[in-house]
């Protein structure tokens, strides 16, 4: 929902019925209320809810704790000390990416850390620290196991058995 357009619509409606002194306050409060209603509150950050006087549920606290624990787990697995989460757009992007991947696959952080510490890995922890977007870009390569010859042979046998010509 576009805040500016919403504000203009409410202002136009109220100009006909309320004097100008009370109008600005009412418009601003209506815009805030409608914007709050149009956004799913479960996705709001805990800090935002506290600062805006929204009710904080137990699930919000649990989610915030899980996110914090996940980021600490990533730091430990990679061998980092405290990372500057949220300090730049790149770090915010990496933070969101890590949380999303952890939700999808609880073992993905360990898989990524293991791959990054491999002997000939091109995405060692110092490189990722220098460029957090590198982790986002190579995550699928690090976490998805490479196709082995054995898997390929099994696939060909299964296709031939099903009547597919290779």
N, C-alpha and C. Protein backbone atom coordinates (compact mmCIF):
# COMPACT_ATOMS: atom_id res chain seq x y z
N UNK A 1 0.85 -1.17 0.00
CA UNK A 1 0.00 0.00 0.00
C UNK A 1 0.90 1.23 0.00
N UNK A 2 0.59 2.18 -0.88
CA UNK A 2 1.40 3.38 -1.01
C UNK A 2 0.95 4.42 0.02
N UNK A 3 1.86 4.79 0.88
CA UNK A 3 1.56 5.72 1.98
C UNK A 3 1.14 7.09 1.46
N UNK A 4 1.80 7.61 0.43
CA UNK A 4 1.50 8.94 -0.10
C UNK A 4 0.10 8.98 -0.71
N UNK A 5 -0.22 7.99 -1.50
CA UNK A 5 -1.55 7.95 -2.13
C UNK A 5 -2.64 7.80 -1.07
N UNK A 6 -2.40 6.97 -0.08
CA UNK A 6 -3.35 6.79 1.01
C UNK A 6 -3.57 8.10 1.74
N UNK A 7 -2.49 8.81 2.00
CA UNK A 7 -2.57 10.09 2.70
C UNK A 7 -3.41 11.10 1.90
N UNK A 8 -3.18 11.17 0.59
CA UNK A 8 -3.93 12.09 -0.27
C UNK A 8 -5.42 11.75 -0.26
N UNK A 9 -5.75 10.49 -0.34
CA UNK A 9 -7.16 10.07 -0.34
C UNK A 9 -7.85 10.45 0.96
N UNK A 10 -7.19 10.15 2.07
CA UNK A 10 -7.78 10.49 3.38
C UNK A 10 -7.93 12.00 3.51
N UNK A 11 -6.93 12.75 3.09
CA UNK A 11 -6.99 14.21 3.17
C UNK A 11 -8.14 14.76 2.36
N UNK A 12 -8.33 14.26 1.16
CA UNK A 12 -9.43 14.73 0.30
C UNK A 12 -10.79 14.47 0.94
N UNK A 13 -10.95 13.31 1.55
CA UNK A 13 -12.22 12.99 2.20
C UNK A 13 -12.47 13.89 3.40
N UNK A 14 -11.43 14.09 4.22
CA UNK A 14 -11.60 14.88 5.43
C UNK A 14 -11.73 16.38 5.19
N UNK A 15 -11.24 16.89 4.07
CA UNK A 15 -11.33 18.32 3.79
C UNK A 15 -12.78 18.79 3.73
N UNK A 16 -13.64 17.90 3.37
CA UNK A 16 -15.05 18.26 3.25
C UNK A 16 -15.78 18.28 4.59
N UNK A 17 -15.21 17.60 5.61
CA UNK A 17 -15.98 17.46 6.84
C UNK A 17 -15.31 17.98 8.12
N UNK A 18 -13.99 18.24 8.12
CA UNK A 18 -13.31 18.63 9.35
C UNK A 18 -12.50 19.90 9.11
N UNK A 19 -12.46 20.76 10.13
CA UNK A 19 -11.67 21.98 9.99
C UNK A 19 -10.18 21.65 9.87
N UNK A 20 -9.40 22.57 9.35
CA UNK A 20 -8.00 22.32 9.04
C UNK A 20 -7.13 22.06 10.27
N UNK A 21 -7.50 22.58 11.43
CA UNK A 21 -6.65 22.40 12.61
C UNK A 21 -6.59 20.93 13.04
N UNK A 22 -7.68 20.24 13.09
CA UNK A 22 -7.70 18.85 13.52
C UNK A 22 -7.43 17.87 12.41
N UNK A 23 -7.47 18.35 11.21
CA UNK A 23 -7.35 17.47 10.05
C UNK A 23 -5.98 16.79 9.97
N UNK A 24 -4.90 17.51 10.14
CA UNK A 24 -3.56 16.95 10.00
C UNK A 24 -3.31 15.82 10.99
N UNK A 25 -3.71 16.01 12.23
CA UNK A 25 -3.55 14.98 13.26
C UNK A 25 -4.35 13.74 12.90
N UNK A 26 -5.59 13.93 12.50
CA UNK A 26 -6.45 12.80 12.16
C UNK A 26 -5.91 12.05 10.95
N UNK A 27 -5.45 12.78 9.95
CA UNK A 27 -4.90 12.14 8.75
C UNK A 27 -3.70 11.27 9.11
N UNK A 28 -2.80 11.82 9.89
CA UNK A 28 -1.60 11.07 10.26
C UNK A 28 -1.94 9.82 11.07
N UNK A 29 -2.86 9.93 12.00
CA UNK A 29 -3.25 8.78 12.80
C UNK A 29 -3.94 7.71 11.95
N UNK A 30 -4.78 8.14 11.01
CA UNK A 30 -5.44 7.18 10.12
C UNK A 30 -4.43 6.47 9.22
N UNK A 31 -3.48 7.22 8.70
CA UNK A 31 -2.46 6.60 7.85
C UNK A 31 -1.68 5.56 8.65
N UNK A 32 -1.28 5.89 9.86
CA UNK A 32 -0.55 4.94 10.71
C UNK A 32 -1.38 3.69 10.97
N UNK A 33 -2.65 3.89 11.28
CA UNK A 33 -3.52 2.75 11.60
C UNK A 33 -3.71 1.85 10.39
N UNK A 34 -3.96 2.44 9.25
CA UNK A 34 -4.18 1.63 8.04
C UNK A 34 -2.90 0.92 7.64
N UNK A 35 -1.77 1.59 7.74
CA UNK A 35 -0.51 0.96 7.39
C UNK A 35 -0.22 -0.23 8.33
N UNK A 36 -0.53 -0.06 9.61
CA UNK A 36 -0.35 -1.15 10.57
C UNK A 36 -1.23 -2.33 10.23
N UNK A 37 -2.47 -2.05 9.86
CA UNK A 37 -3.40 -3.13 9.54
C UNK A 37 -3.03 -3.86 8.27
N UNK A 38 -2.39 -3.17 7.35
CA UNK A 38 -2.07 -3.78 6.06
C UNK A 38 -0.79 -4.61 6.09
N UNK A 39 -0.05 -4.56 7.18
CA UNK A 39 1.21 -5.30 7.28
C UNK A 39 1.04 -6.48 8.24
N UNK A 40 1.54 -7.66 7.86
CA UNK A 40 1.48 -8.78 8.79
C UNK A 40 2.41 -8.55 9.97
N UNK A 41 1.86 -8.49 11.17
CA UNK A 41 2.65 -8.12 12.35
C UNK A 41 3.65 -9.20 12.76
N UNK A 42 3.42 -10.46 12.37
CA UNK A 42 4.36 -11.49 12.79
C UNK A 42 5.73 -11.33 12.14
N UNK A 43 5.81 -10.60 11.04
CA UNK A 43 7.10 -10.42 10.39
C UNK A 43 7.84 -9.17 10.85
N UNK A 44 7.23 -8.37 11.69
CA UNK A 44 7.89 -7.16 12.18
C UNK A 44 9.01 -7.53 13.13
N UNK A 45 10.14 -6.84 13.01
CA UNK A 45 11.23 -7.09 13.96
C UNK A 45 10.80 -6.72 15.38
N UNK A 46 11.36 -7.42 16.33
CA UNK A 46 11.03 -7.20 17.74
C UNK A 46 11.30 -5.75 18.14
N UNK A 47 12.43 -5.21 17.71
CA UNK A 47 12.79 -3.83 18.06
C UNK A 47 11.75 -2.85 17.54
N UNK A 48 11.25 -3.09 16.33
CA UNK A 48 10.26 -2.20 15.73
C UNK A 48 8.98 -2.22 16.57
N UNK A 49 8.55 -3.41 16.97
CA UNK A 49 7.34 -3.52 17.78
C UNK A 49 7.49 -2.77 19.10
N UNK A 50 8.63 -2.91 19.74
CA UNK A 50 8.86 -2.24 21.02
C UNK A 50 8.85 -0.72 20.83
N UNK A 51 9.55 -0.23 19.82
CA UNK A 51 9.64 1.21 19.58
C UNK A 51 8.30 1.83 19.20
N UNK A 52 7.43 1.06 18.56
CA UNK A 52 6.13 1.59 18.13
C UNK A 52 4.99 1.22 19.06
N UNK A 53 5.32 0.69 20.20
CA UNK A 53 4.30 0.41 21.20
C UNK A 53 3.37 -0.75 20.84
N UNK A 54 3.81 -1.61 19.93
CA UNK A 54 3.00 -2.77 19.56
C UNK A 54 3.15 -3.85 20.62
N UNK A 55 2.18 -4.72 20.70
CA UNK A 55 2.22 -5.79 21.69
C UNK A 55 3.25 -6.84 21.27
N UNK A 56 4.10 -7.23 22.20
CA UNK A 56 5.12 -8.24 21.96
C UNK A 56 4.62 -9.56 22.52
N UNK A 57 4.54 -10.55 21.64
CA UNK A 57 4.06 -11.88 22.02
C UNK A 57 5.24 -12.78 22.38
N UNK A 58 4.94 -13.89 23.02
CA UNK A 58 5.97 -14.87 23.35
C UNK A 58 6.62 -15.41 22.07
N UNK A 59 5.83 -15.58 21.01
CA UNK A 59 6.38 -16.07 19.74
C UNK A 59 7.40 -15.09 19.16
N UNK A 60 7.19 -13.78 19.39
CA UNK A 60 8.16 -12.78 18.93
C UNK A 60 9.49 -12.96 19.65
N UNK A 61 9.41 -13.18 20.95
CA UNK A 61 10.64 -13.38 21.74
C UNK A 61 11.36 -14.66 21.32
N UNK A 62 10.59 -15.72 21.08
CA UNK A 62 11.18 -16.98 20.66
C UNK A 62 11.83 -16.85 19.29
N UNK A 63 11.16 -16.15 18.35
CA UNK A 63 11.71 -15.94 17.02
C UNK A 63 13.01 -15.12 17.10
N UNK A 64 13.00 -14.06 17.89
CA UNK A 64 14.19 -13.22 18.03
C UNK A 64 15.35 -14.02 18.63
N UNK A 65 15.06 -14.86 19.59
CA UNK A 65 16.09 -15.70 20.21
C UNK A 65 16.65 -16.71 19.22
N UNK A 66 15.75 -17.34 18.43
CA UNK A 66 16.17 -18.30 17.41
C UNK A 66 17.07 -17.62 16.37
N UNK A 67 16.69 -16.41 15.94
CA UNK A 67 17.50 -15.69 14.97
C UNK A 67 18.87 -15.36 15.53
N UNK A 68 18.91 -14.90 16.77
CA UNK A 68 20.18 -14.57 17.41
C UNK A 68 21.05 -15.82 17.54
N UNK A 69 20.46 -16.92 17.98
CA UNK A 69 21.20 -18.17 18.12
C UNK A 69 21.73 -18.67 16.78
N UNK A 70 20.95 -18.50 15.73
CA UNK A 70 21.37 -18.93 14.40
C UNK A 70 22.57 -18.14 13.93
N UNK A 71 22.54 -16.83 14.13
CA UNK A 71 23.66 -15.99 13.71
C UNK A 71 24.92 -16.32 14.52
N UNK A 72 24.76 -16.58 15.80
CA UNK A 72 25.90 -16.97 16.64
C UNK A 72 26.44 -18.32 16.18
N UNK A 73 25.55 -19.23 15.85
CA UNK A 73 25.99 -20.55 15.36
C UNK A 73 26.81 -20.39 14.08
N UNK A 74 26.36 -19.53 13.16
CA UNK A 74 27.10 -19.29 11.93
C UNK A 74 28.50 -18.73 12.23
N UNK A 75 28.56 -17.77 13.13
CA UNK A 75 29.85 -17.19 13.51
C UNK A 75 30.79 -18.25 14.07
N UNK A 76 30.27 -19.09 14.93
CA UNK A 76 31.10 -20.12 15.55
C UNK A 76 31.56 -21.16 14.53
N UNK A 77 30.65 -21.61 13.68
CA UNK A 77 31.00 -22.62 12.69
C UNK A 77 32.06 -22.11 11.70
N UNK A 78 31.98 -20.82 11.38
CA UNK A 78 32.92 -20.24 10.42
C UNK A 78 34.22 -19.79 11.10
N UNK A 79 34.23 -19.74 12.42
CA UNK A 79 35.43 -19.33 13.14
C UNK A 79 35.57 -17.82 13.27
N UNK A 80 34.46 -17.10 13.18
CA UNK A 80 34.48 -15.65 13.32
C UNK A 80 34.24 -15.25 14.77
N UNK A 81 34.69 -14.05 15.11
CA UNK A 81 34.20 -13.44 16.34
C UNK A 81 32.91 -12.71 15.94
N UNK A 82 32.43 -11.80 16.72
CA UNK A 82 31.16 -11.11 16.44
C UNK A 82 31.22 -10.41 15.08
N UNK A 83 30.25 -10.71 14.21
CA UNK A 83 30.16 -10.08 12.89
C UNK A 83 29.28 -8.83 12.97
N UNK A 84 29.48 -7.88 12.06
CA UNK A 84 28.70 -6.63 12.08
C UNK A 84 27.33 -6.78 11.42
N UNK A 85 26.49 -7.65 11.95
CA UNK A 85 25.17 -7.90 11.37
C UNK A 85 24.37 -6.60 11.28
N UNK A 86 23.76 -6.37 10.14
CA UNK A 86 22.88 -5.23 9.98
C UNK A 86 23.58 -3.90 9.78
N UNK A 87 24.91 -3.88 9.76
CA UNK A 87 25.61 -2.61 9.66
C UNK A 87 25.61 -2.03 8.25
N UNK A 88 25.51 -2.88 7.25
CA UNK A 88 25.47 -2.43 5.85
C UNK A 88 24.42 -3.27 5.12
N UNK A 89 24.03 -2.84 3.92
CA UNK A 89 23.08 -3.67 3.16
C UNK A 89 23.61 -5.08 2.88
N UNK A 90 24.90 -5.22 2.66
CA UNK A 90 25.47 -6.56 2.40
C UNK A 90 25.32 -7.46 3.62
N UNK A 91 25.58 -6.93 4.81
CA UNK A 91 25.46 -7.74 6.02
C UNK A 91 24.01 -8.04 6.33
N UNK A 92 23.10 -7.11 6.04
CA UNK A 92 21.66 -7.39 6.23
C UNK A 92 21.21 -8.48 5.27
N UNK A 93 21.71 -8.44 4.03
CA UNK A 93 21.36 -9.45 3.04
C UNK A 93 21.86 -10.82 3.48
N UNK A 94 23.10 -10.89 3.95
CA UNK A 94 23.64 -12.17 4.43
C UNK A 94 22.86 -12.68 5.63
N UNK A 95 22.50 -11.79 6.53
CA UNK A 95 21.72 -12.19 7.71
C UNK A 95 20.39 -12.81 7.30
N UNK A 96 19.66 -12.14 6.42
CA UNK A 96 18.38 -12.69 5.94
C UNK A 96 18.58 -14.02 5.23
N UNK A 97 19.65 -14.11 4.44
CA UNK A 97 19.93 -15.34 3.70
C UNK A 97 20.20 -16.51 4.65
N UNK A 98 21.02 -16.26 5.65
CA UNK A 98 21.35 -17.32 6.61
C UNK A 98 20.11 -17.79 7.36
N UNK A 99 19.27 -16.85 7.79
CA UNK A 99 18.06 -17.22 8.52
C UNK A 99 17.11 -18.02 7.63
N UNK A 100 17.00 -17.62 6.37
CA UNK A 100 16.13 -18.34 5.43
C UNK A 100 16.65 -19.75 5.19
N UNK A 101 17.94 -19.87 4.94
CA UNK A 101 18.52 -21.19 4.68
C UNK A 101 18.42 -22.11 5.90
N UNK A 102 18.59 -21.55 7.08
CA UNK A 102 18.48 -22.36 8.31
C UNK A 102 17.05 -22.88 8.48
N UNK A 103 16.06 -22.05 8.13
CA UNK A 103 14.66 -22.51 8.20
C UNK A 103 14.42 -23.65 7.22
N UNK A 104 14.99 -23.54 6.03
CA UNK A 104 14.80 -24.55 4.99
C UNK A 104 15.50 -25.87 5.33
N UNK A 105 16.73 -25.75 5.82
CA UNK A 105 17.54 -26.93 6.12
C UNK A 105 18.36 -26.66 7.38
N UNK A 106 17.99 -27.25 8.50
CA UNK A 106 18.70 -26.98 9.76
C UNK A 106 20.20 -27.31 9.71
N UNK A 107 20.62 -28.19 8.81
CA UNK A 107 22.03 -28.56 8.71
C UNK A 107 22.81 -27.71 7.71
N UNK A 108 22.16 -26.75 7.08
CA UNK A 108 22.82 -26.01 6.00
C UNK A 108 24.00 -25.17 6.50
N UNK A 109 23.94 -24.65 7.71
CA UNK A 109 25.06 -23.85 8.21
C UNK A 109 26.30 -24.72 8.38
N UNK A 110 26.13 -25.89 8.92
CA UNK A 110 27.27 -26.80 9.11
C UNK A 110 27.83 -27.24 7.75
N UNK A 111 26.95 -27.51 6.79
CA UNK A 111 27.40 -27.91 5.45
C UNK A 111 28.21 -26.78 4.81
N UNK A 112 27.70 -25.56 4.93
CA UNK A 112 28.38 -24.41 4.34
C UNK A 112 29.75 -24.21 4.99
N UNK A 113 29.80 -24.28 6.31
CA UNK A 113 31.06 -24.08 7.02
C UNK A 113 32.07 -25.15 6.64
N UNK A 114 31.62 -26.39 6.53
CA UNK A 114 32.51 -27.48 6.14
C UNK A 114 33.07 -27.26 4.74
N UNK A 115 32.21 -26.86 3.82
CA UNK A 115 32.65 -26.61 2.44
C UNK A 115 33.61 -25.43 2.37
N UNK A 116 33.37 -24.41 3.17
CA UNK A 116 34.24 -23.23 3.12
C UNK A 116 35.62 -23.50 3.73
N UNK A 117 35.68 -24.48 4.60
CA UNK A 117 36.95 -24.82 5.24
C UNK A 117 37.69 -25.95 4.50
N UNK A 118 37.10 -26.43 3.40
CA UNK A 118 37.75 -27.49 2.62
C UNK A 118 39.10 -26.99 2.09
N UNK A 119 39.99 -27.92 1.83
CA UNK A 119 41.38 -27.57 1.50
C UNK A 119 41.50 -26.62 0.31
N UNK A 120 40.79 -26.87 -0.77
CA UNK A 120 40.92 -26.05 -1.97
C UNK A 120 39.72 -25.15 -2.20
N UNK A 121 39.03 -24.83 -1.15
CA UNK A 121 37.85 -23.97 -1.26
C UNK A 121 38.26 -22.57 -1.71
N UNK A 122 37.46 -21.99 -2.60
CA UNK A 122 37.72 -20.62 -3.06
C UNK A 122 36.94 -19.59 -2.26
N UNK A 123 36.16 -20.05 -1.29
CA UNK A 123 35.37 -19.12 -0.48
C UNK A 123 35.65 -19.32 1.00
N UNK A 124 36.89 -19.16 1.34
CA UNK A 124 37.34 -19.28 2.73
C UNK A 124 36.70 -18.20 3.58
N UNK A 125 36.61 -18.42 4.90
CA UNK A 125 35.99 -17.43 5.79
C UNK A 125 36.53 -16.00 5.66
N UNK A 126 37.83 -15.77 5.48
CA UNK A 126 38.28 -14.38 5.32
C UNK A 126 37.69 -13.69 4.08
N UNK A 127 37.52 -14.44 2.99
CA UNK A 127 36.94 -13.85 1.78
C UNK A 127 35.47 -13.50 2.01
N UNK A 128 34.77 -14.36 2.73
CA UNK A 128 33.36 -14.09 3.01
C UNK A 128 33.23 -12.88 3.93
N UNK A 129 34.15 -12.75 4.86
CA UNK A 129 34.13 -11.59 5.76
C UNK A 129 34.32 -10.30 4.96
N UNK A 130 35.20 -10.33 3.96
CA UNK A 130 35.45 -9.16 3.13
C UNK A 130 34.26 -8.84 2.24
N UNK A 131 33.57 -9.87 1.75
CA UNK A 131 32.42 -9.67 0.87
C UNK A 131 31.29 -10.62 1.24
N UNK A 132 30.38 -10.19 2.12
CA UNK A 132 29.29 -11.07 2.55
C UNK A 132 28.41 -11.57 1.40
N UNK A 133 28.33 -10.80 0.30
CA UNK A 133 27.54 -11.24 -0.84
C UNK A 133 28.11 -12.51 -1.48
N UNK A 134 29.39 -12.76 -1.28
CA UNK A 134 30.00 -13.98 -1.80
C UNK A 134 29.34 -15.21 -1.19
N UNK A 135 29.04 -15.16 0.09
CA UNK A 135 28.38 -16.30 0.74
C UNK A 135 27.00 -16.55 0.15
N UNK A 136 26.28 -15.47 -0.11
CA UNK A 136 24.94 -15.61 -0.70
C UNK A 136 25.04 -16.22 -2.09
N UNK A 137 26.02 -15.77 -2.87
CA UNK A 137 26.17 -16.23 -4.24
C UNK A 137 26.57 -17.69 -4.34
N UNK A 138 27.46 -18.14 -3.48
CA UNK A 138 27.98 -19.50 -3.61
C UNK A 138 27.31 -20.51 -2.67
N UNK A 139 26.34 -20.07 -1.89
CA UNK A 139 25.68 -20.97 -0.94
C UNK A 139 25.19 -22.26 -1.60
N UNK A 140 24.47 -22.17 -2.73
CA UNK A 140 23.98 -23.42 -3.33
C UNK A 140 25.11 -24.37 -3.73
N UNK A 141 26.23 -23.82 -4.18
CA UNK A 141 27.36 -24.67 -4.56
C UNK A 141 27.97 -25.36 -3.35
N UNK A 142 27.98 -24.66 -2.25
CA UNK A 142 28.61 -25.20 -1.04
C UNK A 142 27.73 -26.21 -0.33
N UNK A 143 26.44 -26.00 -0.34
CA UNK A 143 25.53 -26.84 0.44
C UNK A 143 25.02 -28.03 -0.35
N UNK A 144 24.85 -27.89 -1.65
CA UNK A 144 24.36 -28.98 -2.48
C UNK A 144 25.53 -29.92 -2.79
N UNK A 145 25.39 -31.18 -2.47
CA UNK A 145 26.51 -32.09 -2.73
C UNK A 145 26.73 -32.26 -4.23
N UNK A 146 27.98 -32.40 -4.64
CA UNK A 146 28.25 -32.57 -6.07
C UNK A 146 27.71 -33.91 -6.57
N UNK A 147 27.35 -33.94 -7.81
CA UNK A 147 26.86 -35.18 -8.40
C UNK A 147 28.05 -36.10 -8.62
N UNK A 148 27.94 -37.29 -8.08
CA UNK A 148 29.04 -38.25 -8.22
C UNK A 148 28.76 -39.18 -9.39
N UNK A 149 29.80 -39.84 -9.83
CA UNK A 149 29.66 -40.77 -10.94
C UNK A 149 28.68 -41.88 -10.58
N UNK A 150 28.71 -42.31 -9.33
CA UNK A 150 27.81 -43.38 -8.89
C UNK A 150 26.36 -42.96 -9.01
N UNK A 151 26.05 -41.73 -8.60
CA UNK A 151 24.68 -41.21 -8.73
C UNK A 151 24.27 -41.13 -10.19
N UNK A 152 25.20 -40.71 -11.05
CA UNK A 152 24.91 -40.59 -12.47
C UNK A 152 24.65 -41.97 -13.07
N UNK A 153 25.44 -42.97 -12.69
CA UNK A 153 25.23 -44.32 -13.21
C UNK A 153 23.88 -44.86 -12.76
N UNK A 154 23.52 -44.61 -11.51
CA UNK A 154 22.22 -45.08 -11.02
C UNK A 154 21.08 -44.40 -11.78
N UNK A 155 21.24 -43.12 -12.10
CA UNK A 155 20.21 -42.39 -12.85
C UNK A 155 20.04 -42.99 -14.24
N UNK A 156 21.17 -43.27 -14.92
CA UNK A 156 21.11 -43.84 -16.27
C UNK A 156 20.45 -45.22 -16.25
N UNK A 157 20.82 -46.04 -15.28
CA UNK A 157 20.22 -47.38 -15.16
C UNK A 157 18.71 -47.26 -14.94
N UNK A 158 18.29 -46.34 -14.06
CA UNK A 158 16.87 -46.15 -13.79
C UNK A 158 16.14 -45.67 -15.04
N UNK A 159 16.76 -44.76 -15.81
CA UNK A 159 16.11 -44.26 -17.03
C UNK A 159 15.98 -45.34 -18.08
N UNK A 160 17.03 -46.16 -18.24
CA UNK A 160 16.98 -47.25 -19.21
C UNK A 160 15.94 -48.27 -18.79
N UNK A 161 15.88 -48.55 -17.47
CA UNK A 161 14.89 -49.51 -16.98
C UNK A 161 13.48 -49.01 -17.22
N UNK A 162 13.28 -47.69 -17.21
CA UNK A 162 11.97 -47.12 -17.47
C UNK A 162 11.69 -46.91 -18.95
N UNK A 163 12.61 -47.34 -19.81
CA UNK A 163 12.39 -47.25 -21.25
C UNK A 163 12.81 -45.92 -21.87
N UNK A 164 13.60 -45.13 -21.18
CA UNK A 164 14.07 -43.86 -21.73
C UNK A 164 15.41 -44.10 -22.39
N UNK A 165 15.56 -43.72 -23.64
CA UNK A 165 16.84 -43.87 -24.35
C UNK A 165 17.78 -42.77 -23.93
N UNK A 166 18.99 -43.17 -23.64
CA UNK A 166 20.00 -42.21 -23.21
C UNK A 166 20.87 -41.82 -24.37
